[in-house]
Amino acid sequence: MSAIGPRTQARLADRTVSVAVGVVGAEPTTRAEETAAWHTAGELYVGLLVLAVLGMRRSLLTHSQAS
């Protein structure tokens, strides 16, 4: 397995996930809401990035729809 493959996949996932993270963290008004938004964004980012890097594109689609 080439080391370039996972790195390229991670970069592609990074662009897509950054949009999702931006939408999740929109307009928190209190510190608790801001913390919750960052926590949710972190979970989404890590989860989607791991699935993309591992090449589990079907799991990525079904996991997104199930949530």
Protein backbone atom coordinates (compact mmCIF):
# COMPACT_ATOMS: atom_id res chain seq x y z
CA MET A 1 0.00 0.00 0.00
CA SER A 2 1.32 3.39 -0.91
CA ALA A 3 1.69 6.10 1.73
CA ILE A 4 0.42 8.66 -0.77
CA GLY A 5 -3.08 7.13 -1.00
CA PRO A 6 -4.22 7.73 2.59
CA ARG A 7 -2.64 11.20 2.60
CA THR A 8 -4.57 12.19 -0.55
CA GLN A 9 -7.80 10.78 0.86
CA ALA A 10 -7.29 12.70 4.07
CA ARG A 11 -6.84 15.95 2.17
CA LEU A 12 -10.02 15.38 0.16
CA ALA A 13 -11.98 14.55 3.31
CA ASP A 14 -10.58 17.61 5.03
CA ARG A 15 -12.26 19.96 2.55
CA THR A 16 -15.65 18.28 2.82
CA VAL A 17 -15.56 17.98 6.58
CA SER A 18 -14.51 21.60 7.09
CA VAL A 19 -17.80 22.69 5.53
CA ALA A 20 -19.76 20.40 7.86
CA VAL A 21 -17.82 21.66 10.87
CA GLY A 22 -18.53 25.26 9.90
CA VAL A 23 -22.27 24.59 9.66
CA VAL A 24 -22.39 22.79 13.02
CA GLY A 25 -20.63 25.64 14.83
CA ALA A 26 -22.79 28.45 13.42
CA GLU A 27 -24.02 31.15 15.81
CA PRO A 28 -23.43 29.78 19.33
CA THR A 29 -24.59 32.47 21.78
CA THR A 30 -23.43 31.14 25.14
CA ARG A 31 -20.21 29.50 26.29
CA ALA A 32 -22.06 26.19 26.79
CA GLU A 33 -23.45 26.28 23.24
CA GLU A 34 -20.02 27.13 21.87
CA THR A 35 -18.44 24.25 23.78
CA ALA A 36 -21.15 21.87 22.57
CA ALA A 37 -20.68 23.06 18.98
CA TRP A 38 -16.90 22.48 19.15
CA HIS A 39 -17.43 19.05 20.71
CA THR A 40 -19.92 18.01 18.02
CA ALA A 41 -17.72 19.39 15.26
CA GLY A 42 -14.73 17.49 16.63
CA GLU A 43 -16.65 14.23 16.73
CA LEU A 44 -17.89 14.72 13.17
CA TYR A 45 -14.46 15.68 11.88
CA VAL A 46 -12.64 12.76 13.47
CA GLY A 47 -15.33 10.23 12.54
CA LEU A 48 -15.59 11.29 8.92
CA LEU A 49 -11.83 11.62 8.55
CA VAL A 50 -11.18 8.13 9.94
CA LEU A 51 -13.76 6.57 7.62
CA ALA A 52 -12.35 8.45 4.61
CA VAL A 53 -8.73 7.56 5.40
CA LEU A 54 -9.59 3.90 5.87
CA GLY A 55 -11.32 3.93 2.48
CA MET A 56 -14.72 3.03 3.90
CA ARG A 57 -16.78 5.23 1.60
CA ARG A 58 -19.95 3.13 1.89
CA SER A 59 -19.75 3.29 5.67
CA LEU A 60 -19.21 7.03 5.40
CA LEU A 61 -22.46 7.46 3.46
CA THR A 62 -24.57 5.14 5.62
CA HIS A 63 -23.16 6.57 8.86
CA SER A 64 -24.00 10.11 7.75
CA GLN A 65 -27.58 9.15 6.88
CA ALA A 66 -28.14 7.20 10.11
CA SER A 67 -27.14 10.16 12.28
